[in-house]
Every structure is written in C-alpha cells, then in structure tokens.
C-alpha cells in the first residue's frame, strides 16, 4: 500500500501503555480514525472510509536514550535507494507528534554511508 500524501500522524498512538490499559489504548487508536482531523483529511483527499484501513501495532518498549523512525525509502525525495532516519533524545512521542525537532540522517542503501 502506498503512503497517502500528508497522512503522517493522522491517527493516535500511545507509548508506555501498561498491560492493564492495552484494551483502552487499542480502542482509542481505532477510534482516532473518526477524529475530526482524520475525517477532514479523508474529505479533503476524496477518500471513502473503506479506503483508509486501520491497524494497531503493539511493541514492547525498551529503555533508550534516543528514539527514532527509519524509513526504507526516503519520504522527502521518494528515493527507494536511500534510507532516512529521524531521531531525537528522549521518548519517541515528541517525534511522532511533531512536537520535537529531530535530527535526520539519509544513507544510501548500497553503502550505508551518509
């Protein structure tokens, strides 16, 4: 499935969810498909509800000094020969929400050199 334009951070995400709160977090992520922002996006782009499927991913968190996101194709240039890594100090929520400013690294796949 190809990424839709401008859809990053469209749905809710949660970090550090305790085991007993997983059902509530799951419901909140699924419900975010119907947030005013998500609905406005679908209307602006001209998509029906069934054209924006949802999924929820749960991962165990590890203690880390920095967090980031790795794209296997550079989302800026759409170059599939370039890896793009955005990272910042602390927890990843600032990166995911757009509240923090990340350092971005781009590396060519054949050499993995920036």
N, C-alpha and C. Protein backbone atom coordinates (compact mmCIF):
# COMPACT_ATOMS: atom_id res chain seq x y z
N UNK A 1 0.85 -1.19 0.00
CA UNK A 1 0.00 0.00 0.00
C UNK A 1 0.89 1.24 0.00
N UNK A 2 0.61 2.17 -0.84
CA UNK A 2 1.39 3.39 -0.95
C UNK A 2 0.95 4.41 0.10
N UNK A 3 1.91 5.15 0.64
CA UNK A 3 1.58 6.18 1.63
C UNK A 3 0.73 7.27 0.99
N UNK A 4 -0.23 7.76 1.73
CA UNK A 4 -1.08 8.84 1.24
C UNK A 4 -0.44 10.17 1.57
N UNK A 5 -0.60 11.19 0.74
CA UNK A 5 0.03 12.48 0.99
C UNK A 5 -0.48 13.12 2.27
N UNK A 6 0.44 13.57 3.10
CA UNK A 6 0.09 14.33 4.29
C UNK A 6 -0.60 13.54 5.38
N UNK A 7 -0.49 12.22 5.40
CA UNK A 7 -1.23 11.45 6.39
C UNK A 7 -0.40 11.08 7.62
N UNK A 8 0.85 11.52 7.71
CA UNK A 8 1.65 11.19 8.88
C UNK A 8 1.00 11.77 10.13
N UNK A 9 0.98 11.00 11.17
CA UNK A 9 0.46 11.42 12.47
C UNK A 9 -1.04 11.69 12.43
N UNK A 10 -1.72 11.05 11.52
CA UNK A 10 -3.15 11.26 11.38
C UNK A 10 -3.92 10.54 12.49
N UNK A 11 -3.45 9.36 12.87
CA UNK A 11 -4.13 8.58 13.88
C UNK A 11 -3.38 8.65 15.20
N UNK A 12 -4.06 8.36 16.30
CA UNK A 12 -3.45 8.41 17.62
C UNK A 12 -2.45 7.27 17.82
N UNK A 13 -1.44 7.54 18.62
CA UNK A 13 -0.51 6.49 19.05
C UNK A 13 -0.20 6.75 20.52
N UNK A 14 0.17 5.68 21.21
CA UNK A 14 0.43 5.78 22.64
C UNK A 14 1.71 5.02 22.97
N UNK A 15 2.49 5.58 23.87
CA UNK A 15 3.73 4.95 24.31
C UNK A 15 3.63 4.60 25.79
N UNK A 16 4.33 3.55 26.18
CA UNK A 16 4.39 3.19 27.59
C UNK A 16 3.06 2.73 28.16
N UNK A 17 2.25 2.06 27.37
CA UNK A 17 0.94 1.60 27.84
C UNK A 17 1.15 0.39 28.75
N UNK A 18 0.58 0.45 29.93
CA UNK A 18 0.65 -0.67 30.86
C UNK A 18 -0.27 -1.78 30.38
N UNK A 19 0.08 -3.01 30.73
CA UNK A 19 -0.67 -4.18 30.29
C UNK A 19 -2.18 -4.03 30.53
N UNK A 20 -2.55 -3.55 31.71
CA UNK A 20 -3.98 -3.45 32.03
C UNK A 20 -4.70 -2.37 31.22
N UNK A 21 -3.94 -1.47 30.58
CA UNK A 21 -4.55 -0.40 29.80
C UNK A 21 -4.53 -0.66 28.29
N UNK A 22 -4.05 -1.83 27.88
CA UNK A 22 -3.97 -2.14 26.46
C UNK A 22 -5.34 -2.10 25.78
N UNK A 23 -6.39 -2.68 26.35
CA UNK A 23 -7.70 -2.60 25.67
C UNK A 23 -8.17 -1.17 25.44
N UNK A 24 -7.98 -0.30 26.43
CA UNK A 24 -8.39 1.10 26.27
C UNK A 24 -7.56 1.80 25.20
N UNK A 25 -6.25 1.55 25.19
CA UNK A 25 -5.37 2.16 24.20
C UNK A 25 -5.74 1.68 22.79
N UNK A 26 -6.02 0.40 22.67
CA UNK A 26 -6.43 -0.16 21.37
C UNK A 26 -7.69 0.54 20.87
N UNK A 27 -8.69 0.66 21.74
CA UNK A 27 -9.94 1.33 21.35
C UNK A 27 -9.71 2.78 20.97
N UNK A 28 -8.83 3.47 21.68
CA UNK A 28 -8.54 4.88 21.38
C UNK A 28 -7.85 5.02 20.02
N UNK A 29 -6.94 4.11 19.69
CA UNK A 29 -6.29 4.15 18.38
C UNK A 29 -7.32 3.91 17.28
N UNK A 30 -8.13 2.89 17.43
CA UNK A 30 -9.15 2.59 16.43
C UNK A 30 -10.15 3.75 16.29
N UNK A 31 -10.53 4.36 17.39
CA UNK A 31 -11.48 5.47 17.36
C UNK A 31 -10.89 6.70 16.68
N UNK A 32 -9.56 6.83 16.67
CA UNK A 32 -8.94 8.01 16.07
C UNK A 32 -9.18 8.08 14.56
N UNK A 33 -9.61 6.99 13.96
CA UNK A 33 -9.99 7.02 12.54
C UNK A 33 -11.17 7.97 12.32
N UNK A 34 -11.93 8.20 13.38
CA UNK A 34 -13.12 9.04 13.28
C UNK A 34 -12.95 10.39 13.98
N UNK A 35 -11.71 10.78 14.22
CA UNK A 35 -11.46 12.10 14.80
C UNK A 35 -11.77 13.17 13.75
N UNK A 36 -12.06 14.39 14.19
CA UNK A 36 -12.32 15.46 13.22
C UNK A 36 -11.18 15.62 12.22
N UNK A 37 -9.95 15.48 12.70
CA UNK A 37 -8.79 15.64 11.81
C UNK A 37 -8.75 14.54 10.75
N UNK A 38 -8.99 13.29 11.16
CA UNK A 38 -8.97 12.18 10.21
C UNK A 38 -10.11 12.28 9.20
N UNK A 39 -11.28 12.65 9.67
CA UNK A 39 -12.43 12.80 8.76
C UNK A 39 -12.17 13.94 7.78
N UNK A 40 -11.66 15.07 8.26
CA UNK A 40 -11.35 16.19 7.38
C UNK A 40 -10.32 15.80 6.33
N UNK A 41 -9.33 15.02 6.72
CA UNK A 41 -8.31 14.56 5.79
C UNK A 41 -8.95 13.72 4.69
N UNK A 42 -9.79 12.74 5.08
CA UNK A 42 -10.43 11.89 4.08
C UNK A 42 -11.29 12.71 3.12
N UNK A 43 -12.02 13.68 3.65
CA UNK A 43 -12.85 14.53 2.80
C UNK A 43 -12.00 15.37 1.85
N UNK A 44 -10.91 15.93 2.37
CA UNK A 44 -10.03 16.78 1.56
C UNK A 44 -9.38 15.99 0.43
N UNK A 45 -8.96 14.76 0.72
CA UNK A 45 -8.27 13.94 -0.28
C UNK A 45 -9.27 13.23 -1.19
N UNK A 46 -10.52 13.11 -0.73
CA UNK A 46 -11.55 12.45 -1.53
C UNK A 46 -11.56 10.94 -1.36
N UNK A 47 -11.31 10.47 -0.15
CA UNK A 47 -11.29 9.03 0.12
C UNK A 47 -12.53 8.62 0.89
N UNK A 48 -13.04 7.45 0.57
CA UNK A 48 -14.11 6.85 1.35
C UNK A 48 -13.51 6.22 2.60
N UNK A 49 -14.34 5.97 3.57
CA UNK A 49 -13.89 5.36 4.83
C UNK A 49 -13.19 4.03 4.58
N UNK A 50 -13.69 3.22 3.66
CA UNK A 50 -13.09 1.90 3.42
C UNK A 50 -11.76 1.97 2.68
N UNK A 51 -11.37 3.15 2.22
CA UNK A 51 -10.07 3.31 1.55
C UNK A 51 -8.96 3.69 2.54
N UNK A 52 -9.29 3.79 3.81
CA UNK A 52 -8.29 4.11 4.84
C UNK A 52 -8.35 3.05 5.94
N UNK A 53 -7.83 1.86 5.66
CA UNK A 53 -7.88 0.79 6.66
C UNK A 53 -7.03 1.12 7.88
N UNK A 54 -7.38 0.51 8.99
CA UNK A 54 -6.67 0.74 10.26
C UNK A 54 -5.97 -0.54 10.69
N UNK A 55 -4.91 -0.36 11.42
CA UNK A 55 -4.28 -1.47 12.12
C UNK A 55 -3.68 -0.90 13.40
N UNK A 56 -3.41 -1.77 14.34
CA UNK A 56 -2.79 -1.37 15.59
C UNK A 56 -1.61 -2.28 15.82
N UNK A 57 -0.49 -1.69 16.16
CA UNK A 57 0.73 -2.45 16.42
C UNK A 57 1.12 -2.26 17.88
N UNK A 58 1.41 -3.33 18.55
CA UNK A 58 1.88 -3.25 19.93
C UNK A 58 3.29 -3.79 20.01
N UNK A 59 4.18 -3.02 20.58
CA UNK A 59 5.58 -3.42 20.74
C UNK A 59 6.01 -3.19 22.18
N UNK A 60 6.86 -4.07 22.67
CA UNK A 60 7.44 -3.85 23.99
C UNK A 60 8.42 -2.68 23.90
N UNK A 61 8.37 -1.79 24.88
CA UNK A 61 9.28 -0.66 24.90
C UNK A 61 10.56 -1.04 25.62
N UNK A 62 11.65 -0.46 25.16
CA UNK A 62 12.94 -0.67 25.81
C UNK A 62 13.44 0.68 26.30
N UNK A 63 14.26 0.67 27.36
CA UNK A 63 14.86 1.91 27.81
C UNK A 63 15.92 2.33 26.80
N UNK A 64 15.85 3.56 26.35
CA UNK A 64 16.80 4.07 25.37
C UNK A 64 17.01 5.55 25.61
N UNK A 65 18.19 6.03 25.28
CA UNK A 65 18.50 7.45 25.43
C UNK A 65 17.90 8.27 24.31
N UNK A 66 17.70 7.64 23.14
CA UNK A 66 17.16 8.34 21.98
C UNK A 66 16.22 7.39 21.25
N UNK A 67 15.29 7.97 20.52
CA UNK A 67 14.32 7.19 19.74
C UNK A 67 14.24 7.77 18.35
N UNK A 68 13.77 6.96 17.42
CA UNK A 68 13.67 7.46 16.07
C UNK A 68 12.79 6.61 15.19
N UNK A 69 12.74 7.02 13.94
CA UNK A 69 11.95 6.35 12.91
C UNK A 69 12.86 6.12 11.72
N UNK A 70 12.81 4.91 11.18
CA UNK A 70 13.59 4.56 9.98
C UNK A 70 12.62 4.35 8.83
N UNK A 71 12.87 5.06 7.74
CA UNK A 71 12.11 4.85 6.50
C UNK A 71 13.02 4.12 5.52
N UNK A 72 12.55 3.03 4.93
CA UNK A 72 13.37 2.27 3.99
C UNK A 72 13.40 2.91 2.60
N UNK A 73 12.61 3.93 2.40
CA UNK A 73 12.67 4.79 1.22
C UNK A 73 12.51 6.21 1.73
N UNK A 74 13.35 7.11 1.26
CA UNK A 74 13.33 8.50 1.73
C UNK A 74 11.97 9.12 1.44
N UNK A 75 11.21 9.52 2.49
CA UNK A 75 9.87 10.08 2.26
C UNK A 75 9.88 11.47 1.62
N UNK A 76 11.01 12.16 1.68
CA UNK A 76 11.09 13.50 1.09
C UNK A 76 11.30 13.41 -0.42
N UNK A 77 12.29 12.61 -0.83
CA UNK A 77 12.61 12.51 -2.25
C UNK A 77 11.93 11.34 -2.93
N UNK A 78 11.31 10.45 -2.14
CA UNK A 78 10.68 9.23 -2.65
C UNK A 78 11.70 8.32 -3.32
N UNK A 79 12.96 8.44 -2.90
CA UNK A 79 14.07 7.65 -3.45
C UNK A 79 14.17 6.34 -2.68
N UNK A 80 13.91 5.21 -3.36
CA UNK A 80 13.95 3.94 -2.65
C UNK A 80 15.37 3.38 -2.51
N UNK A 81 16.37 4.13 -2.94
CA UNK A 81 17.77 3.74 -2.74
C UNK A 81 18.38 4.45 -1.54
N UNK A 82 17.55 5.22 -0.82
CA UNK A 82 18.03 5.99 0.33
C UNK A 82 17.21 5.65 1.57
N UNK A 83 17.91 5.32 2.66
CA UNK A 83 17.28 5.15 3.96
C UNK A 83 17.22 6.52 4.63
N UNK A 84 16.14 6.82 5.31
CA UNK A 84 16.02 8.07 6.03
C UNK A 84 15.74 7.76 7.50
N UNK A 85 16.55 8.31 8.39
CA UNK A 85 16.40 8.09 9.82
C UNK A 85 16.19 9.43 10.50
N UNK A 86 15.09 9.56 11.24
CA UNK A 86 14.82 10.75 12.05
C UNK A 86 14.85 10.33 13.50
N UNK A 87 15.65 11.02 14.31
CA UNK A 87 15.79 10.62 15.71
C UNK A 87 15.96 11.84 16.60
N UNK A 88 15.59 11.67 17.86
CA UNK A 88 15.82 12.71 18.86
C UNK A 88 16.04 12.07 20.23
N UNK A 89 16.53 12.85 21.16
CA UNK A 89 16.77 12.37 22.51
C UNK A 89 15.45 12.21 23.23
N UNK A 90 15.38 11.26 24.12
CA UNK A 90 14.20 11.05 24.94
C UNK A 90 13.22 10.08 24.30
N UNK A 91 11.98 10.14 24.75
CA UNK A 91 10.98 9.20 24.23
C UNK A 91 10.51 9.64 22.86
N UNK A 92 9.99 8.70 22.10
CA UNK A 92 9.62 8.96 20.72
C UNK A 92 8.35 9.74 20.51
N UNK A 93 7.58 9.96 21.57
CA UNK A 93 6.30 10.64 21.41
C UNK A 93 6.47 12.04 20.80
N UNK A 94 7.54 12.74 21.18
CA UNK A 94 7.77 14.07 20.61
C UNK A 94 8.00 13.99 19.11
N UNK A 95 8.66 12.95 18.67
CA UNK A 95 8.91 12.77 17.24
C UNK A 95 7.61 12.42 16.52
N UNK A 96 6.86 11.48 17.05
CA UNK A 96 5.63 11.03 16.41
C UNK A 96 4.59 12.16 16.35
N UNK A 97 4.51 12.96 17.41
CA UNK A 97 3.50 14.02 17.45
C UNK A 97 3.92 15.26 16.67
N UNK A 98 5.20 15.36 16.35
CA UNK A 98 5.70 16.54 15.65
C UNK A 98 6.08 17.66 16.59
N UNK A 99 6.01 17.42 17.91
CA UNK A 99 6.35 18.45 18.90
C UNK A 99 7.85 18.67 19.02
N UNK A 100 8.63 17.66 18.70
CA UNK A 100 10.09 17.77 18.81
C UNK A 100 10.72 17.92 17.44
N UNK A 101 11.92 18.47 17.43
CA UNK A 101 12.68 18.62 16.19
C UNK A 101 13.72 17.52 16.15
N UNK A 102 13.65 16.70 15.13
CA UNK A 102 14.54 15.54 15.03
C UNK A 102 15.75 15.84 14.18
N UNK A 103 16.82 15.12 14.46
CA UNK A 103 17.96 15.08 13.56
C UNK A 103 17.61 14.06 12.48
N UNK A 104 17.92 14.38 11.24
CA UNK A 104 17.59 13.47 10.14
C UNK A 104 18.87 13.06 9.43
N UNK A 105 18.99 11.78 9.19
CA UNK A 105 20.14 11.21 8.52
C UNK A 105 19.64 10.45 7.30
N UNK A 106 20.31 10.63 6.17
CA UNK A 106 19.97 9.90 4.95
C UNK A 106 21.20 9.12 4.53
N UNK A 107 21.00 7.84 4.27
CA UNK A 107 22.11 6.95 3.89
C UNK A 107 21.73 6.19 2.63
N UNK A 108 22.69 6.07 1.72
CA UNK A 108 22.47 5.25 0.53
C UNK A 108 22.43 3.78 0.93
N UNK A 109 21.52 3.03 0.38
CA UNK A 109 21.39 1.61 0.74
C UNK A 109 22.61 0.78 0.37
N UNK A 110 23.20 0.96 -0.81
CA UNK A 110 24.34 0.10 -1.13
C UNK A 110 25.53 0.24 -0.19
N UNK A 111 25.80 1.46 0.30
CA UNK A 111 26.98 1.68 1.13
C UNK A 111 26.65 1.95 2.58
N UNK A 112 25.42 2.38 2.87
CA UNK A 112 25.00 2.82 4.20
C UNK A 112 25.90 3.92 4.73
N UNK A 113 26.35 4.80 3.83
CA UNK A 113 27.14 5.95 4.22
C UNK A 113 26.36 7.21 3.94
N UNK A 114 26.41 8.16 4.90
CA UNK A 114 25.64 9.39 4.73
C UNK A 114 26.36 10.37 3.80
